[in-house]
Full PDB file with SEQRES, HELIX, SHEET, SSBOND, CRYST1, ORIGX, SCALE, CONECT and MASTER records, all heavy atoms in Angstrom:
SEQRES   1 A   33  ILE CYS TYR LEU ASP VAL GLY PRO GLY GLU GLY VAL LEU          
SEQRES   2 A   33  LEU ARG GLU CYS LEU HIS SER PHE CYS ARG ASP CYS LEU          
SEQRES   3 A   33  ARG GLN LEU ILE ASN CYS SER                                  
HELIX    1 AA1 ARG A   23  CYS A   32  1                                  10    
SHEET    1 AA1 2 GLY A  11  LEU A  13  0                                        
SHEET    2 AA1 2 SER A  20  CYS A  22 -1                                        
CRYST1    1.000    1.000    1.000  90.00  90.00  90.00 P 1           1          
ORIGX1      1.000000  0.000000  0.000000        0.00000                         
ORIGX2      0.000000  1.000000  0.000000        0.00000                         
ORIGX3      0.000000  0.000000  1.000000        0.00000                         
SCALE1      1.000000  0.000000  0.000000        0.00000                         
SCALE2      0.000000  1.000000  0.000000        0.00000                         
SCALE3      0.000000  0.000000  1.000000        0.00000                         
ATOM      1  N   ILE A   1      -7.511 -19.369  -2.784  1.00  0.00           N  
ATOM      2  CA  ILE A   1      -8.867 -18.799  -2.629  1.00  0.00           C  
ATOM      3  C   ILE A   1      -9.890 -19.678  -3.359  1.00  0.00           C  
ATOM      4  O   ILE A   1     -10.837 -20.189  -2.826  1.00  0.00           O  
ATOM      5  CB  ILE A   1      -8.879 -17.354  -3.109  1.00  0.00           C  
ATOM      6  CG1 ILE A   1      -7.905 -16.515  -2.316  1.00  0.00           C  
ATOM      7  CG2 ILE A   1     -10.319 -16.856  -3.003  1.00  0.00           C  
ATOM      8  CD1 ILE A   1      -7.875 -15.057  -2.749  1.00  0.00           C  
ATOM      9  N   CYS A   2      -9.559 -19.876  -4.644  1.00  0.00           N  
ATOM     10  CA  CYS A   2     -10.575 -20.656  -5.527  1.00  0.00           C  
ATOM     11  C   CYS A   2     -10.180 -22.127  -5.607  1.00  0.00           C  
ATOM     12  O   CYS A   2     -10.920 -22.942  -6.191  1.00  0.00           O  
ATOM     13  CB  CYS A   2     -10.699 -20.013  -6.918  1.00  0.00           C  
ATOM     14  SG  CYS A   2      -9.207 -20.006  -7.856  1.00  0.00           S  
ATOM     15  N   TYR A   3      -8.932 -22.450  -5.214  1.00  0.00           N  
ATOM     16  CA  TYR A   3      -8.414 -23.833  -5.328  1.00  0.00           C  
ATOM     17  C   TYR A   3      -8.354 -24.309  -6.724  1.00  0.00           C  
ATOM     18  O   TYR A   3      -8.340 -25.582  -6.976  1.00  0.00           O  
ATOM     19  CB  TYR A   3      -9.201 -24.765  -4.388  1.00  0.00           C  
ATOM     20  CG  TYR A   3      -9.084 -24.391  -2.956  1.00  0.00           C  
ATOM     21  CD1 TYR A   3     -10.119 -23.750  -2.338  1.00  0.00           C  
ATOM     22  CD2 TYR A   3      -7.982 -24.713  -2.215  1.00  0.00           C  
ATOM     23  CE1 TYR A   3      -9.944 -23.337  -0.964  1.00  0.00           C  
ATOM     24  CE2 TYR A   3      -7.794 -24.352  -0.962  1.00  0.00           C  
ATOM     25  CZ  TYR A   3      -8.886 -23.690  -0.281  1.00  0.00           C  
ATOM     26  OH  TYR A   3      -8.715 -23.300   1.039  1.00  0.00           O  
ATOM     27  N   LEU A   4      -8.192 -23.435  -7.717  1.00  0.00           N  
ATOM     28  CA  LEU A   4      -7.955 -23.841  -9.115  1.00  0.00           C  
ATOM     29  C   LEU A   4      -6.464 -23.846  -9.356  1.00  0.00           C  
ATOM     30  O   LEU A   4      -5.721 -23.154  -8.766  1.00  0.00           O  
ATOM     31  CB  LEU A   4      -8.704 -22.984 -10.036  1.00  0.00           C  
ATOM     32  CG  LEU A   4     -10.263 -22.924  -9.952  1.00  0.00           C  
ATOM     33  CD1 LEU A   4     -10.791 -21.922 -10.928  1.00  0.00           C  
ATOM     34  CD2 LEU A   4     -10.818 -24.296 -10.244  1.00  0.00           C  
ATOM     35  N   ASP A   5      -6.081 -24.685 -10.349  1.00  0.00           N  
ATOM     36  CA  ASP A   5      -4.720 -24.731 -10.746  1.00  0.00           C  
ATOM     37  C   ASP A   5      -4.285 -23.467 -11.523  1.00  0.00           C  
ATOM     38  O   ASP A   5      -5.097 -22.981 -12.359  1.00  0.00           O  
ATOM     39  CB  ASP A   5      -4.382 -25.979 -11.630  1.00  0.00           C  
ATOM     40  CG  ASP A   5      -4.572 -27.258 -10.844  1.00  0.00           C  
ATOM     41  OD1 ASP A   5      -4.346 -27.257  -9.636  1.00  0.00           O  
ATOM     42  OD2 ASP A   5      -4.895 -28.283 -11.437  1.00  0.00           O  
ATOM     43  N   VAL A   6      -3.143 -22.998 -11.249  1.00  0.00           N  
ATOM     44  CA  VAL A   6      -2.668 -21.729 -11.867  1.00  0.00           C  
ATOM     45  C   VAL A   6      -1.311 -22.059 -12.500  1.00  0.00           C  
ATOM     46  O   VAL A   6      -0.376 -22.550 -11.893  1.00  0.00           O  
ATOM     47  CB  VAL A   6      -2.466 -20.603 -10.814  1.00  0.00           C  
ATOM     48  CG1 VAL A   6      -1.970 -19.342 -11.556  1.00  0.00           C  
ATOM     49  CG2 VAL A   6      -3.838 -20.357 -10.067  1.00  0.00           C  
ATOM     50  N   GLY A   7      -1.220 -21.855 -13.843  1.00  0.00           N  
ATOM     51  CA  GLY A   7      -0.047 -22.145 -14.603  1.00  0.00           C  
ATOM     52  C   GLY A   7       1.077 -21.168 -14.296  1.00  0.00           C  
ATOM     53  O   GLY A   7       0.864 -20.137 -13.795  1.00  0.00           O  
ATOM     54  N   PRO A   8       2.305 -21.558 -14.756  1.00  0.00           N  
ATOM     55  CA  PRO A   8       3.466 -20.629 -14.567  1.00  0.00           C  
ATOM     56  C   PRO A   8       3.225 -19.268 -15.201  1.00  0.00           C  
ATOM     57  O   PRO A   8       2.766 -19.231 -16.354  1.00  0.00           O  
ATOM     58  CB  PRO A   8       4.570 -21.412 -15.211  1.00  0.00           C  
ATOM     59  CG  PRO A   8       4.178 -22.831 -15.234  1.00  0.00           C  
ATOM     60  CD  PRO A   8       2.663 -22.844 -15.391  1.00  0.00           C  
ATOM     61  N   GLY A   9       3.482 -18.241 -14.499  1.00  0.00           N  
ATOM     62  CA  GLY A   9       3.343 -16.870 -15.024  1.00  0.00           C  
ATOM     63  C   GLY A   9       1.879 -16.327 -14.931  1.00  0.00           C  
ATOM     64  O   GLY A   9       1.689 -15.191 -15.245  1.00  0.00           O  
ATOM     65  N   GLU A  10       0.931 -17.225 -14.525  1.00  0.00           N  
ATOM     66  CA  GLU A  10      -0.471 -16.761 -14.530  1.00  0.00           C  
ATOM     67  C   GLU A  10      -0.953 -16.300 -13.109  1.00  0.00           C  
ATOM     68  O   GLU A  10      -1.899 -15.650 -13.018  1.00  0.00           O  
ATOM     69  CB  GLU A  10      -1.402 -17.907 -14.982  1.00  0.00           C  
ATOM     70  CG  GLU A  10      -1.140 -18.362 -16.412  1.00  0.00           C  
ATOM     71  CD  GLU A  10      -2.035 -19.459 -16.833  1.00  0.00           C  
ATOM     72  OE1 GLU A  10      -2.804 -20.011 -15.960  1.00  0.00           O  
ATOM     73  OE2 GLU A  10      -1.953 -19.899 -17.963  1.00  0.00           O  
ATOM     74  N   GLY A  11      -0.187 -16.687 -12.124  1.00  0.00           N  
ATOM     75  CA  GLY A  11      -0.489 -16.254 -10.713  1.00  0.00           C  
ATOM     76  C   GLY A  11       0.318 -15.013 -10.384  1.00  0.00           C  
ATOM     77  O   GLY A  11       1.144 -14.554 -11.140  1.00  0.00           O  
ATOM     78  N   VAL A  12       0.040 -14.485  -9.141  1.00  0.00           N  
ATOM     79  CA  VAL A  12       0.776 -13.310  -8.630  1.00  0.00           C  
ATOM     80  C   VAL A  12       1.390 -13.728  -7.288  1.00  0.00           C  
ATOM     81  O   VAL A  12       0.671 -14.220  -6.390  1.00  0.00           O  
ATOM     82  CB  VAL A  12      -0.190 -12.144  -8.455  1.00  0.00           C  
ATOM     83  CG1 VAL A  12       0.550 -10.974  -7.756  1.00  0.00           C  
ATOM     84  CG2 VAL A  12      -0.711 -11.685  -9.807  1.00  0.00           C  
ATOM     85  N   LEU A  13       2.667 -13.437  -7.108  1.00  0.00           N  
ATOM     86  CA  LEU A  13       3.357 -13.604  -5.883  1.00  0.00           C  
ATOM     87  C   LEU A  13       3.380 -12.283  -5.127  1.00  0.00           C  
ATOM     88  O   LEU A  13       3.952 -11.305  -5.604  1.00  0.00           O  
ATOM     89  CB  LEU A  13       4.775 -14.086  -6.176  1.00  0.00           C  
ATOM     90  CG  LEU A  13       5.595 -14.561  -5.009  1.00  0.00           C  
ATOM     91  CD1 LEU A  13       5.112 -15.835  -4.402  1.00  0.00           C  
ATOM     92  CD2 LEU A  13       7.094 -14.701  -5.391  1.00  0.00           C  
ATOM     93  N   LEU A  14       2.757 -12.253  -3.962  1.00  0.00           N  
ATOM     94  CA  LEU A  14       2.686 -10.961  -3.189  1.00  0.00           C  
ATOM     95  C   LEU A  14       4.095 -10.723  -2.563  1.00  0.00           C  
ATOM     96  O   LEU A  14       4.711 -11.522  -1.970  1.00  0.00           O  
ATOM     97  CB  LEU A  14       1.686 -11.122  -2.105  1.00  0.00           C  
ATOM     98  CG  LEU A  14       0.197 -11.320  -2.581  1.00  0.00           C  
ATOM     99  CD1 LEU A  14      -0.767 -11.341  -1.355  1.00  0.00           C  
ATOM    100  CD2 LEU A  14      -0.215 -10.300  -3.600  1.00  0.00           C  
ATOM    101  N   ARG A  15       4.532  -9.487  -2.770  1.00  0.00           N  
ATOM    102  CA  ARG A  15       5.839  -9.118  -2.341  1.00  0.00           C  
ATOM    103  C   ARG A  15       6.066  -9.126  -0.809  1.00  0.00           C  
ATOM    104  O   ARG A  15       7.174  -9.574  -0.382  1.00  0.00           O  
ATOM    105  CB  ARG A  15       6.129  -7.702  -2.889  1.00  0.00           C  
ATOM    106  CG  ARG A  15       6.517  -7.552  -4.299  1.00  0.00           C  
ATOM    107  CD  ARG A  15       6.945  -6.116  -4.600  1.00  0.00           C  
ATOM    108  NE  ARG A  15       7.635  -6.051  -5.838  1.00  0.00           N  
ATOM    109  CZ  ARG A  15       7.079  -6.005  -7.050  1.00  0.00           C  
ATOM    110  NH1 ARG A  15       5.802  -6.008  -7.114  1.00  0.00           N  
ATOM    111  NH2 ARG A  15       7.822  -5.943  -8.160  1.00  0.00           N  
ATOM    112  N   GLU A  16       5.049  -8.799  -0.077  1.00  0.00           N  
ATOM    113  CA  GLU A  16       5.273  -8.653   1.389  1.00  0.00           C  
ATOM    114  C   GLU A  16       5.355 -10.007   2.099  1.00  0.00           C  
ATOM    115  O   GLU A  16       5.988 -10.133   3.111  1.00  0.00           O  
ATOM    116  CB  GLU A  16       4.038  -7.833   2.017  1.00  0.00           C  
ATOM    117  CG  GLU A  16       4.042  -6.398   1.587  1.00  0.00           C  
ATOM    118  CD  GLU A  16       5.194  -5.600   2.106  1.00  0.00           C  
ATOM    119  OE1 GLU A  16       5.730  -5.960   3.213  1.00  0.00           O  
ATOM    120  OE2 GLU A  16       5.642  -4.659   1.402  1.00  0.00           O  
ATOM    121  N   CYS A  17       4.768 -11.048   1.509  1.00  0.00           N  
ATOM    122  CA  CYS A  17       4.660 -12.379   2.229  1.00  0.00           C  
ATOM    123  C   CYS A  17       5.037 -13.480   1.442  1.00  0.00           C  
ATOM    124  O   CYS A  17       5.134 -14.631   1.900  1.00  0.00           O  
ATOM    125  CB  CYS A  17       3.273 -12.557   2.835  1.00  0.00           C  
ATOM    126  SG  CYS A  17       1.935 -12.418   1.653  1.00  0.00           S  
ATOM    127  N   LEU A  18       5.056 -13.350   0.080  1.00  0.00           N  
ATOM    128  CA  LEU A  18       5.428 -14.443  -0.914  1.00  0.00           C  
ATOM    129  C   LEU A  18       4.287 -15.442  -1.064  1.00  0.00           C  
ATOM    130  O   LEU A  18       4.542 -16.534  -1.537  1.00  0.00           O  
ATOM    131  CB  LEU A  18       6.746 -15.152  -0.546  1.00  0.00           C  
ATOM    132  CG  LEU A  18       7.972 -14.222  -0.306  1.00  0.00           C  
ATOM    133  CD1 LEU A  18       9.194 -15.051   0.008  1.00  0.00           C  
ATOM    134  CD2 LEU A  18       8.215 -13.352  -1.571  1.00  0.00           C  
ATOM    135  N   HIS A  19       3.084 -15.183  -0.591  1.00  0.00           N  
ATOM    136  CA  HIS A  19       1.979 -16.005  -0.880  1.00  0.00           C  
ATOM    137  C   HIS A  19       1.443 -15.691  -2.265  1.00  0.00           C  
ATOM    138  O   HIS A  19       1.502 -14.592  -2.732  1.00  0.00           O  
ATOM    139  CB  HIS A  19       0.866 -15.776   0.152  1.00  0.00           C  
ATOM    140  CG  HIS A  19       1.174 -16.262   1.541  1.00  0.00           C  
ATOM    141  ND1 HIS A  19       0.986 -15.503   2.635  1.00  0.00           N  
ATOM    142  CD2 HIS A  19       1.623 -17.458   1.920  1.00  0.00           C  
ATOM    143  CE1 HIS A  19       1.418 -16.186   3.734  1.00  0.00           C  
ATOM    144  NE2 HIS A  19       1.817 -17.336   3.378  1.00  0.00           N  
ATOM    145  N   SER A  20       0.976 -16.807  -2.999  1.00  0.00           N  
ATOM    146  CA  SER A  20       0.563 -16.620  -4.375  1.00  0.00           C  
ATOM    147  C   SER A  20      -0.887 -16.954  -4.546  1.00  0.00           C  
ATOM    148  O   SER A  20      -1.444 -17.861  -3.860  1.00  0.00           O  
ATOM    149  CB  SER A  20       1.459 -17.441  -5.261  1.00  0.00           C  
ATOM    150  OG  SER A  20       1.330 -18.880  -4.946  1.00  0.00           O  
ATOM    151  N   PHE A  21      -1.524 -16.230  -5.484  1.00  0.00           N  
ATOM    152  CA  PHE A  21      -2.935 -16.484  -5.815  1.00  0.00           C  
ATOM    153  C   PHE A  21      -3.175 -16.093  -7.265  1.00  0.00           C  
ATOM    154  O   PHE A  21      -2.320 -15.517  -7.930  1.00  0.00           O  
ATOM    155  CB  PHE A  21      -3.844 -15.460  -4.951  1.00  0.00           C  
ATOM    156  CG  PHE A  21      -3.567 -15.575  -3.460  1.00  0.00           C  
ATOM    157  CD1 PHE A  21      -2.701 -14.712  -2.840  1.00  0.00           C  
ATOM    158  CD2 PHE A  21      -4.285 -16.466  -2.681  1.00  0.00           C  
ATOM    159  CE1 PHE A  21      -2.406 -14.818  -1.502  1.00  0.00           C  
ATOM    160  CE2 PHE A  21      -4.015 -16.569  -1.346  1.00  0.00           C  
ATOM    161  CZ  PHE A  21      -3.130 -15.751  -0.740  1.00  0.00           C  
ATOM    162  N   CYS A  22      -4.289 -16.495  -7.816  1.00  0.00           N  
ATOM    163  CA  CYS A  22      -4.631 -16.186  -9.173  1.00  0.00           C  
ATOM    164  C   CYS A  22      -5.027 -14.679  -9.244  1.00  0.00           C  
ATOM    165  O   CYS A  22      -5.526 -14.100  -8.244  1.00  0.00           O  
ATOM    166  CB  CYS A  22      -5.684 -17.070  -9.741  1.00  0.00           C  
ATOM    167  SG  CYS A  22      -7.391 -16.839  -9.084  1.00  0.00           S  
ATOM    168  N   ARG A  23      -4.880 -14.083 -10.406  1.00  0.00           N  
ATOM    169  CA  ARG A  23      -5.209 -12.687 -10.607  1.00  0.00           C  
ATOM    170  C   ARG A  23      -6.684 -12.378 -10.313  1.00  0.00           C  
ATOM    171  O   ARG A  23      -6.983 -11.308  -9.765  1.00  0.00           O  
ATOM    172  CB  ARG A  23      -4.823 -12.275 -12.007  1.00  0.00           C  
ATOM    173  CG  ARG A  23      -3.301 -12.255 -12.219  1.00  0.00           C  
ATOM    174  CD  ARG A  23      -2.982 -12.061 -13.724  1.00  0.00           C  
ATOM    175  NE  ARG A  23      -1.487 -12.049 -13.962  1.00  0.00           N  
ATOM    176  CZ  ARG A  23      -0.779 -10.972 -14.214  1.00  0.00           C  
ATOM    177  NH1 ARG A  23      -1.327  -9.840 -14.240  1.00  0.00           N  
ATOM    178  NH2 ARG A  23       0.506 -11.100 -14.388  1.00  0.00           N  
ATOM    179  N   ASP A  24      -7.583 -13.215 -10.856  1.00  0.00           N  
ATOM    180  CA  ASP A  24      -9.076 -12.984 -10.715  1.00  0.00           C  
ATOM    181  C   ASP A  24      -9.459 -12.873  -9.236  1.00  0.00           C  
ATOM    182  O   ASP A  24     -10.247 -12.025  -8.894  1.00  0.00           O  
ATOM    183  CB  ASP A  24      -9.828 -14.007 -11.423  1.00  0.00           C  
ATOM    184  CG  ASP A  24      -9.714 -13.922 -12.993  1.00  0.00           C  
ATOM    185  OD1 ASP A  24      -9.345 -12.773 -13.431  1.00  0.00           O  
ATOM    186  OD2 ASP A  24      -9.989 -14.876 -13.707  1.00  0.00           O  
ATOM    187  N   CYS A  25      -8.921 -13.776  -8.451  1.00  0.00           N  
ATOM    188  CA  CYS A  25      -9.304 -13.824  -7.027  1.00  0.00           C  
ATOM    189  C   CYS A  25      -8.766 -12.557  -6.302  1.00  0.00           C  
ATOM    190  O   CYS A  25      -9.483 -11.987  -5.507  1.00  0.00           O  
ATOM    191  CB  CYS A  25      -8.764 -15.096  -6.330  1.00  0.00           C  
ATOM    192  SG  CYS A  25      -9.717 -16.504  -6.761  1.00  0.00           S  
ATOM    193  N   LEU A  26      -7.509 -12.096  -6.639  1.00  0.00           N  
ATOM    194  CA  LEU A  26      -7.048 -10.956  -5.981  1.00  0.00           C  
ATOM    195  C   LEU A  26      -7.814  -9.704  -6.497  1.00  0.00           C  
ATOM    196  O   LEU A  26      -8.041  -8.764  -5.670  1.00  0.00           O  
ATOM    197  CB  LEU A  26      -5.535 -10.749  -6.332  1.00  0.00           C  
ATOM    198  CG  LEU A  26      -4.591 -11.751  -5.678  1.00  0.00           C  
ATOM    199  CD1 LEU A  26      -3.169 -11.527  -6.179  1.00  0.00           C  
ATOM    200  CD2 LEU A  26      -4.621 -11.555  -4.159  1.00  0.00           C  
ATOM    201  N   ARG A  27      -8.184  -9.664  -7.728  1.00  0.00           N  
ATOM    202  CA  ARG A  27      -8.948  -8.557  -8.249  1.00  0.00           C  
ATOM    203  C   ARG A  27     -10.359  -8.429  -7.507  1.00  0.00           C  
ATOM    204  O   ARG A  27     -10.734  -7.345  -7.093  1.00  0.00           O  
ATOM    205  CB  ARG A  27      -9.190  -8.728  -9.718  1.00  0.00           C  
ATOM    206  CG  ARG A  27     -10.058  -7.609 -10.367  1.00  0.00           C  
ATOM    207  CD  ARG A  27     -10.055  -7.693 -11.848  1.00  0.00           C  
ATOM    208  NE  ARG A  27     -11.084  -6.852 -12.457  1.00  0.00           N  
ATOM    209  CZ  ARG A  27     -12.221  -7.310 -12.990  1.00  0.00           C  
ATOM    210  NH1 ARG A  27     -12.444  -8.563 -13.008  1.00  0.00           N  
ATOM    211  NH2 ARG A  27     -13.072  -6.478 -13.508  1.00  0.00           N  
ATOM    212  N   GLN A  28     -11.020  -9.581  -7.297  1.00  0.00           N  
ATOM    213  CA  GLN A  28     -12.240  -9.603  -6.610  1.00  0.00           C  
ATOM    214  C   GLN A  28     -12.112  -9.205  -5.161  1.00  0.00           C  
ATOM    215  O   GLN A  28     -12.926  -8.519  -4.551  1.00  0.00           O  
ATOM    216  CB  GLN A  28     -12.905 -10.970  -6.687  1.00  0.00           C  
ATOM    217  CG  GLN A  28     -13.334 -11.378  -8.087  1.00  0.00           C  
ATOM    218  CD  GLN A  28     -13.969 -12.777  -8.189  1.00  0.00           C  
ATOM    219  OE1 GLN A  28     -14.589 -13.196  -7.165  1.00  0.00           O  
ATOM    220  NE2 GLN A  28     -13.815 -13.437  -9.274  1.00  0.00           N  
ATOM    221  N   LEU A  29     -10.969  -9.604  -4.568  1.00  0.00           N  
ATOM    222  CA  LEU A  29     -10.638  -9.277  -3.157  1.00  0.00           C  
ATOM    223  C   LEU A  29     -10.591  -7.718  -3.070  1.00  0.00           C  
ATOM    224  O   LEU A  29     -11.113  -7.155  -2.098  1.00  0.00           O  
ATOM    225  CB  LEU A  29      -9.381  -9.931  -2.747  1.00  0.00           C  
ATOM    226  CG  LEU A  29      -8.825  -9.624  -1.369  1.00  0.00           C  
ATOM    227  CD1 LEU A  29      -9.718 -10.244  -0.286  1.00  0.00           C  
ATOM    228  CD2 LEU A  29      -7.372 -10.092  -1.194  1.00  0.00           C  
ATOM    229  N   ILE A  30      -9.886  -7.078  -4.002  1.00  0.00           N  
ATOM    230  CA  ILE A  30      -9.746  -5.618  -3.901  1.00  0.00           C  
ATOM    231  C   ILE A  30     -11.044  -4.976  -4.066  1.00  0.00           C  
ATOM    232  O   ILE A  30     -11.380  -4.024  -3.390  1.00  0.00           O  
ATOM    233  CB  ILE A  30      -8.755  -5.137  -4.943  1.00  0.00           C  
ATOM    234  CG1 ILE A  30      -7.351  -5.764  -4.703  1.00  0.00           C  
ATOM    235  CG2 ILE A  30      -8.685  -3.675  -5.091  1.00  0.00           C  
ATOM    236  CD1 ILE A  30      -6.353  -5.633  -5.843  1.00  0.00           C  
ATOM    237  N   ASN A  31     -11.844  -5.417  -5.087  1.00  0.00           N  
ATOM    238  CA  ASN A  31     -13.174  -4.718  -5.351  1.00  0.00           C  
ATOM    239  C   ASN A  31     -14.136  -4.941  -4.241  1.00  0.00           C  
ATOM    240  O   ASN A  31     -15.125  -4.198  -4.123  1.00  0.00           O  
ATOM    241  CB  ASN A  31     -13.728  -5.280  -6.622  1.00  0.00           C  
ATOM    242  CG  ASN A  31     -12.937  -4.770  -7.854  1.00  0.00           C  
ATOM    243  OD1 ASN A  31     -12.370  -3.716  -7.861  1.00  0.00           O  
ATOM    244  ND2 ASN A  31     -12.919  -5.550  -8.947  1.00  0.00           N  
ATOM    245  N   CYS A  32     -13.993  -5.946  -3.421  1.00  0.00           N  
ATOM    246  CA  CYS A  32     -14.937  -6.168  -2.332  1.00  0.00           C  
ATOM    247  C   CYS A  32     -14.417  -5.662  -0.980  1.00  0.00           C  
ATOM    248  O   CYS A  32     -15.190  -5.688   0.044  1.00  0.00           O  
ATOM    249  CB  CYS A  32     -15.191  -7.670  -2.167  1.00  0.00           C  
ATOM    250  SG  CYS A  32     -16.058  -8.461  -3.529  1.00  0.00           S  
ATOM    251  N   SER A  33     -13.189  -5.151  -0.939  1.00  0.00           N  
ATOM    252  CA  SER A  33     -12.619  -4.707   0.312  1.00  0.00           C  
ATOM    253  C   SER A  33     -13.296  -3.428   0.770  1.00  0.00           C  
ATOM    254  O   SER A  33     -13.472  -2.461   0.036  1.00  0.00           O  
ATOM    255  CB  SER A  33     -11.060  -4.455   0.130  1.00  0.00           C  
ATOM    256  OG  SER A  33     -10.520  -3.933   1.256  1.00  0.00           O  
TER     257      SER A  33                                                      
MASTER        0    0    0    1    2    0    0    6  256    1    0    3          
END                                                                             
């Protein structure tokens, strides 16, 4: 989403599809949904 580097343990792996994103982007995605 933001194309920034995410260190080990800092990102989130989504259970349903195994795609990973940083926490801040996922939080903004939820708040804007």
